[in-house]
């Protein structure tokens, strides 16, 4: 991953890890908690939500094509 989001994580009080403070507003992405079975490193590298977030499929236009 490149750019300004390369090292940004939000760690919520209940253990949920987000790529940014507003990520929970993106429909269709389920963010995992470190209180479950996975470490922060695993969530960052392997979780479906973080991998989809790094893509553009969830974005609406005009952001998607910028």
PDB file of N, CA and C in Angstrom:
ATOM      1  N   UNK A   1       0.840  -1.173   0.000  1.00  0.00           N
ATOM      2  CA  UNK A   1       0.000   0.000   0.000  1.00  0.00           C
ATOM      3  C   UNK A   1       0.884   1.234   0.000  1.00  0.00           C
ATOM      4  N   UNK A   2       0.483   2.259  -0.735  1.00  0.00           N
ATOM      5  CA  UNK A   2       1.276   3.476  -0.841  1.00  0.00           C
ATOM      6  C   UNK A   2       0.444   4.668  -0.384  1.00  0.00           C
ATOM      7  N   UNK A   3       1.081   5.798  -0.258  1.00  0.00           N
ATOM      8  CA  UNK A   3       0.357   7.023   0.046  1.00  0.00           C
ATOM      9  C   UNK A   3       0.235   7.290   1.526  1.00  0.00           C
ATOM     10  N   UNK A   4      -0.604   8.268   1.845  1.00  0.00           N
ATOM     11  CA  UNK A   4      -0.749   8.745   3.210  1.00  0.00           C
ATOM     12  C   UNK A   4      -1.377   7.758   4.159  1.00  0.00           C
ATOM     13  N   UNK A   5      -2.080   6.763   3.656  1.00  0.00           N
ATOM     14  CA  UNK A   5      -2.759   5.812   4.533  1.00  0.00           C
ATOM     15  C   UNK A   5      -1.902   4.593   4.827  1.00  0.00           C
ATOM     16  N   UNK A   6      -0.644   4.631   4.480  1.00  0.00           N
ATOM     17  CA  UNK A   6       0.215   3.462   4.627  1.00  0.00           C
ATOM     18  C   UNK A   6       0.380   3.014   6.076  1.00  0.00           C
ATOM     19  N   UNK A   7       0.253   3.899   7.040  1.00  0.00           N
ATOM     20  CA  UNK A   7       0.485   3.509   8.430  1.00  0.00           C
ATOM     21  C   UNK A   7      -0.554   4.080   9.372  1.00  0.00           C
ATOM     22  N   UNK A   8      -1.786   4.204   8.928  1.00  0.00           N
ATOM     23  CA  UNK A   8      -2.838   4.779   9.766  1.00  0.00           C
ATOM     24  C   UNK A   8      -3.802   3.680  10.193  1.00  0.00           C
ATOM     25  N   UNK A   9      -4.029   3.582  11.498  1.00  0.00           N
ATOM     26  CA  UNK A   9      -5.014   2.665  12.058  1.00  0.00           C
ATOM     27  C   UNK A   9      -5.787   3.394  13.141  1.00  0.00           C
ATOM     28  N   UNK A  10      -7.040   3.057  13.289  1.00  0.00           N
ATOM     29  CA  UNK A  10      -7.835   3.513  14.416  1.00  0.00           C
ATOM     30  C   UNK A  10      -8.102   2.284  15.266  1.00  0.00           C
ATOM     31  N   UNK A  11      -7.789   2.350  16.543  1.00  0.00           N
ATOM     32  CA  UNK A  11      -8.041   1.259  17.476  1.00  0.00           C
ATOM     33  C   UNK A  11      -9.127   1.726  18.426  1.00  0.00           C
ATOM     34  N   UNK A  12     -10.306   1.167  18.294  1.00  0.00           N
ATOM     35  CA  UNK A  12     -11.429   1.576  19.125  1.00  0.00           C
ATOM     36  C   UNK A  12     -11.382   0.879  20.481  1.00  0.00           C
ATOM     37  N   UNK A  13     -12.073   1.433  21.450  1.00  0.00           N
ATOM     38  CA  UNK A  13     -12.052   0.923  22.818  1.00  0.00           C
ATOM     39  C   UNK A  13     -12.452  -0.548  22.921  1.00  0.00           C
ATOM     40  N   UNK A  14     -13.328  -1.007  22.055  1.00  0.00           N
ATOM     41  CA  UNK A  14     -13.767  -2.406  22.108  1.00  0.00           C
ATOM     42  C   UNK A  14     -12.866  -3.333  21.308  1.00  0.00           C
ATOM     43  N   UNK A  15     -11.732  -2.812  20.814  1.00  0.00           N
ATOM     44  CA  UNK A  15     -10.761  -3.644  20.127  1.00  0.00           C
ATOM     45  C   UNK A  15     -10.854  -3.646  18.620  1.00  0.00           C
ATOM     46  N   UNK A  16     -11.877  -3.011  18.073  1.00  0.00           N
ATOM     47  CA  UNK A  16     -12.044  -2.995  16.628  1.00  0.00           C
ATOM     48  C   UNK A  16     -10.959  -2.135  15.987  1.00  0.00           C
ATOM     49  N   UNK A  17     -10.422  -2.608  14.849  1.00  0.00           N
ATOM     50  CA  UNK A  17      -9.376  -1.905  14.121  1.00  0.00           C
ATOM     51  C   UNK A  17      -9.962  -1.355  12.828  1.00  0.00           C
ATOM     52  N   UNK A  18      -9.799  -0.043  12.603  1.00  0.00           N
ATOM     53  CA  UNK A  18     -10.321   0.622  11.413  1.00  0.00           C
ATOM     54  C   UNK A  18      -9.182   1.296  10.655  1.00  0.00           C
ATOM     55  N   UNK A  19      -9.303   1.420   9.317  1.00  0.00           N
ATOM     56  CA  UNK A  19      -8.286   2.131   8.548  1.00  0.00           C
ATOM     57  C   UNK A  19      -8.415   3.647   8.657  1.00  0.00           C
ATOM     58  N   UNK A  20      -9.561   4.140   9.093  1.00  0.00           N
ATOM     59  CA  UNK A  20      -9.755   5.563   9.370  1.00  0.00           C
ATOM     60  C   UNK A  20     -10.972   5.710  10.265  1.00  0.00           C
ATOM     61  N   UNK A  21     -11.147   6.880  10.857  1.00  0.00           N
ATOM     62  CA  UNK A  21     -12.222   7.063  11.841  1.00  0.00           C
ATOM     63  C   UNK A  21     -13.620   6.902  11.258  1.00  0.00           C
ATOM     64  N   UNK A  22     -13.799   7.111   9.964  1.00  0.00           N
ATOM     65  CA  UNK A  22     -15.120   7.029   9.347  1.00  0.00           C
ATOM     66  C   UNK A  22     -15.346   5.731   8.567  1.00  0.00           C
ATOM     67  N   UNK A  23     -14.434   4.794   8.654  1.00  0.00           N
ATOM     68  CA  UNK A  23     -14.525   3.577   7.843  1.00  0.00           C
ATOM     69  C   UNK A  23     -15.790   2.762   8.113  1.00  0.00           C
ATOM     70  N   UNK A  24     -16.312   2.819   9.319  1.00  0.00           N
ATOM     71  CA  UNK A  24     -17.523   2.046   9.632  1.00  0.00           C
ATOM     72  C   UNK A  24     -18.744   2.523   8.852  1.00  0.00           C
ATOM     73  N   UNK A  25     -18.668   3.682   8.239  1.00  0.00           N
ATOM     74  CA  UNK A  25     -19.797   4.183   7.448  1.00  0.00           C
ATOM     75  C   UNK A  25     -19.834   3.572   6.053  1.00  0.00           C
ATOM     76  N   UNK A  26     -18.792   2.861   5.660  1.00  0.00           N
ATOM     77  CA  UNK A  26     -18.751   2.208   4.342  1.00  0.00           C
ATOM     78  C   UNK A  26     -19.534   0.910   4.440  1.00  0.00           C
ATOM     79  N   UNK A  27     -20.621   0.824   3.709  1.00  0.00           N
ATOM     80  CA  UNK A  27     -21.446  -0.380   3.764  1.00  0.00           C
ATOM     81  C   UNK A  27     -20.709  -1.552   3.117  1.00  0.00           C
ATOM     82  N   UNK A  28     -20.923  -2.728   3.683  1.00  0.00           N
ATOM     83  CA  UNK A  28     -20.337  -3.935   3.132  1.00  0.00           C
ATOM     84  C   UNK A  28     -18.969  -4.298   3.663  1.00  0.00           C
ATOM     85  N   UNK A  29     -18.386  -3.478   4.528  1.00  0.00           N
ATOM     86  CA  UNK A  29     -17.089  -3.802   5.121  1.00  0.00           C
ATOM     87  C   UNK A  29     -17.285  -4.140   6.595  1.00  0.00           C
ATOM     88  N   UNK A  30     -16.754  -5.278   7.010  1.00  0.00           N
ATOM     89  CA  UNK A  30     -16.841  -5.678   8.414  1.00  0.00           C
ATOM     90  C   UNK A  30     -15.433  -5.662   9.000  1.00  0.00           C
ATOM     91  N   UNK A  31     -15.217  -4.813   9.974  1.00  0.00           N
ATOM     92  CA  UNK A  31     -13.895  -4.660  10.558  1.00  0.00           C
ATOM     93  C   UNK A  31     -13.757  -5.541  11.794  1.00  0.00           C
ATOM     94  N   UNK A  32     -12.608  -6.212  11.895  1.00  0.00           N
ATOM     95  CA  UNK A  32     -12.350  -7.170  12.961  1.00  0.00           C
ATOM     96  C   UNK A  32     -11.814  -6.493  14.215  1.00  0.00           C
ATOM     97  N   UNK A  33     -11.848  -7.250  15.295  1.00  0.00           N
ATOM     98  CA  UNK A  33     -11.360  -6.783  16.589  1.00  0.00           C
ATOM     99  C   UNK A  33     -10.124  -7.571  16.994  1.00  0.00           C
ATOM    100  N   UNK A  34      -9.189  -6.910  17.658  1.00  0.00           N
ATOM    101  CA  UNK A  34      -8.029  -7.623  18.193  1.00  0.00           C
ATOM    102  C   UNK A  34      -8.418  -8.464  19.403  1.00  0.00           C
ATOM    103  N   UNK A  35      -9.617  -8.306  19.879  1.00  0.00           N
ATOM    104  CA  UNK A  35     -10.103  -9.135  20.982  1.00  0.00           C
ATOM    105  C   UNK A  35     -10.610 -10.483  20.474  1.00  0.00           C
ATOM    106  N   UNK A  36     -10.595 -10.658  19.175  1.00  0.00           N
ATOM    107  CA  UNK A  36     -10.971 -11.934  18.565  1.00  0.00           C
ATOM    108  C   UNK A  36      -9.745 -12.815  18.398  1.00  0.00           C
ATOM    109  N   UNK A  37      -9.655 -13.450  17.257  1.00  0.00           N
ATOM    110  CA  UNK A  37      -8.593 -14.427  17.024  1.00  0.00           C
ATOM    111  C   UNK A  37      -7.382 -13.883  16.277  1.00  0.00           C
ATOM    112  N   UNK A  38      -7.343 -12.597  15.970  1.00  0.00           N
ATOM    113  CA  UNK A  38      -6.294 -12.079  15.106  1.00  0.00           C
ATOM    114  C   UNK A  38      -5.551 -10.886  15.716  1.00  0.00           C
ATOM    115  N   UNK A  39      -4.284 -10.776  15.358  1.00  0.00           N
ATOM    116  CA  UNK A  39      -3.455  -9.658  15.793  1.00  0.00           C
ATOM    117  C   UNK A  39      -3.688  -8.447  14.903  1.00  0.00           C
ATOM    118  N   UNK A  40      -3.182  -7.291  15.320  1.00  0.00           N
ATOM    119  CA  UNK A  40      -3.264  -6.093  14.481  1.00  0.00           C
ATOM    120  C   UNK A  40      -2.556  -6.344  13.150  1.00  0.00           C
ATOM    121  N   UNK A  41      -1.395  -6.985  13.194  1.00  0.00           N
ATOM    122  CA  UNK A  41      -0.648  -7.262  11.958  1.00  0.00           C
ATOM    123  C   UNK A  41      -1.464  -8.114  11.002  1.00  0.00           C
ATOM    124  N   UNK A  42      -2.125  -9.165  11.518  1.00  0.00           N
ATOM    125  CA  UNK A  42      -2.932 -10.035  10.658  1.00  0.00           C
ATOM    126  C   UNK A  42      -4.099  -9.246  10.066  1.00  0.00           C
ATOM    127  N   UNK A  43      -4.768  -8.456  10.894  1.00  0.00           N
ATOM    128  CA  UNK A  43      -5.902  -7.659  10.413  1.00  0.00           C
ATOM    129  C   UNK A  43      -5.437  -6.718   9.313  1.00  0.00           C
ATOM    130  N   UNK A  44      -4.324  -6.026   9.513  1.00  0.00           N
ATOM    131  CA  UNK A  44      -3.794  -5.077   8.530  1.00  0.00           C
ATOM    132  C   UNK A  44      -3.466  -5.772   7.207  1.00  0.00           C
ATOM    133  N   UNK A  45      -2.838  -6.937   7.283  1.00  0.00           N
ATOM    134  CA  UNK A  45      -2.347  -7.607   6.082  1.00  0.00           C
ATOM    135  C   UNK A  45      -3.351  -8.532   5.420  1.00  0.00           C
ATOM    136  N   UNK A  46      -4.248  -9.152   6.184  1.00  0.00           N
ATOM    137  CA  UNK A  46      -5.047 -10.241   5.628  1.00  0.00           C
ATOM    138  C   UNK A  46      -6.560 -10.085   5.705  1.00  0.00           C
ATOM    139  N   UNK A  47      -7.066  -9.166   6.495  1.00  0.00           N
ATOM    140  CA  UNK A  47      -8.524  -9.083   6.626  1.00  0.00           C
ATOM    141  C   UNK A  47      -9.159  -8.601   5.320  1.00  0.00           C
ATOM    142  N   UNK A  48     -10.310  -9.164   5.033  1.00  0.00           N
ATOM    143  CA  UNK A  48     -11.032  -8.788   3.813  1.00  0.00           C
ATOM    144  C   UNK A  48     -11.347  -7.296   3.797  1.00  0.00           C
ATOM    145  N   UNK A  49     -11.767  -6.750   4.933  1.00  0.00           N
ATOM    146  CA  UNK A  49     -12.149  -5.332   4.972  1.00  0.00           C
ATOM    147  C   UNK A  49     -10.968  -4.415   4.651  1.00  0.00           C
ATOM    148  N   UNK A  50      -9.802  -4.670   5.233  1.00  0.00           N
ATOM    149  CA  UNK A  50      -8.645  -3.812   4.950  1.00  0.00           C
ATOM    150  C   UNK A  50      -8.187  -3.963   3.507  1.00  0.00           C
ATOM    151  N   UNK A  51      -8.219  -5.167   2.974  1.00  0.00           N
ATOM    152  CA  UNK A  51      -7.819  -5.360   1.582  1.00  0.00           C
ATOM    153  C   UNK A  51      -8.809  -4.713   0.621  1.00  0.00           C
ATOM    154  N   UNK A  52     -10.092  -4.788   0.920  1.00  0.00           N
ATOM    155  CA  UNK A  52     -11.082  -4.102   0.085  1.00  0.00           C
ATOM    156  C   UNK A  52     -10.967  -2.592   0.233  1.00  0.00           C
ATOM    157  N   UNK A  53     -10.711  -2.101   1.435  1.00  0.00           N
ATOM    158  CA  UNK A  53     -10.576  -0.672   1.684  1.00  0.00           C
ATOM    159  C   UNK A  53      -9.426  -0.090   0.866  1.00  0.00           C
ATOM    160  N   UNK A  54      -8.343  -0.829   0.742  1.00  0.00           N
ATOM    161  CA  UNK A  54      -7.197  -0.366  -0.029  1.00  0.00           C
ATOM    162  C   UNK A  54      -7.503  -0.300  -1.519  1.00  0.00           C
ATOM    163  N   UNK A  55      -8.569  -0.952  -1.959  1.00  0.00           N
ATOM    164  CA  UNK A  55      -8.984  -0.884  -3.352  1.00  0.00           C
ATOM    165  C   UNK A  55      -9.907   0.299  -3.579  1.00  0.00           C
ATOM    166  N   UNK A  56     -10.572   0.327  -4.724  1.00  0.00           N
ATOM    167  CA  UNK A  56     -11.482   1.432  -5.044  1.00  0.00           C
ATOM    168  C   UNK A  56     -12.905   0.959  -5.307  1.00  0.00           C
ATOM    169  N   UNK A  57     -13.158  -0.341  -5.218  1.00  0.00           N
ATOM    170  CA  UNK A  57     -14.472  -0.878  -5.543  1.00  0.00           C
ATOM    171  C   UNK A  57     -15.605  -0.336  -4.684  1.00  0.00           C
ATOM    172  N   UNK A  58     -15.308   0.053  -3.452  1.00  0.00           N
ATOM    173  CA  UNK A  58     -16.344   0.539  -2.544  1.00  0.00           C
ATOM    174  C   UNK A  58     -16.639   2.011  -2.735  1.00  0.00           C
ATOM    175  N   UNK A  59     -15.778   2.733  -3.460  1.00  0.00           N
ATOM    176  CA  UNK A  59     -15.923   4.199  -3.603  1.00  0.00           C
ATOM    177  C   UNK A  59     -17.013   4.583  -4.602  1.00  0.00           C
ATOM    178  N   UNK A  60     -17.653   5.688  -4.309  1.00  0.00           N
ATOM    179  CA  UNK A  60     -18.624   6.275  -5.240  1.00  0.00           C
ATOM    180  C   UNK A  60     -17.888   7.272  -6.137  1.00  0.00           C
ATOM    181  N   UNK A  61     -18.450   7.556  -7.276  1.00  0.00           N
ATOM    182  CA  UNK A  61     -17.899   8.586  -8.157  1.00  0.00           C
ATOM    183  C   UNK A  61     -18.206   9.955  -7.534  1.00  0.00           C
ATOM    184  N   UNK A  62     -17.378  10.942  -7.690  1.00  0.00           N
ATOM    185  CA  UNK A  62     -16.196  11.004  -8.551  1.00  0.00           C
ATOM    186  C   UNK A  62     -14.917  10.514  -7.872  1.00  0.00           C
ATOM    187  N   UNK A  63     -14.990  10.139  -6.596  1.00  0.00           N
ATOM    188  CA  UNK A  63     -13.768   9.729  -5.887  1.00  0.00           C
ATOM    189  C   UNK A  63     -13.109   8.516  -6.533  1.00  0.00           C
ATOM    190  N   UNK A  64     -13.917   7.574  -6.999  1.00  0.00           N
ATOM    191  CA  UNK A  64     -13.402   6.343  -7.565  1.00  0.00           C
ATOM    192  C   UNK A  64     -12.473   6.566  -8.747  1.00  0.00           C
ATOM    193  N   UNK A  65     -12.756   7.572  -9.557  1.00  0.00           N
ATOM    194  CA  UNK A  65     -11.972   7.798 -10.774  1.00  0.00           C
ATOM    195  C   UNK A  65     -10.903   8.864 -10.613  1.00  0.00           C
ATOM    196  N   UNK A  66     -10.744   9.428  -9.436  1.00  0.00           N
ATOM    197  CA  UNK A  66      -9.701  10.447  -9.227  1.00  0.00           C
ATOM    198  C   UNK A  66      -8.330   9.836  -9.115  1.00  0.00           C
TER     199      UNK A  66
END
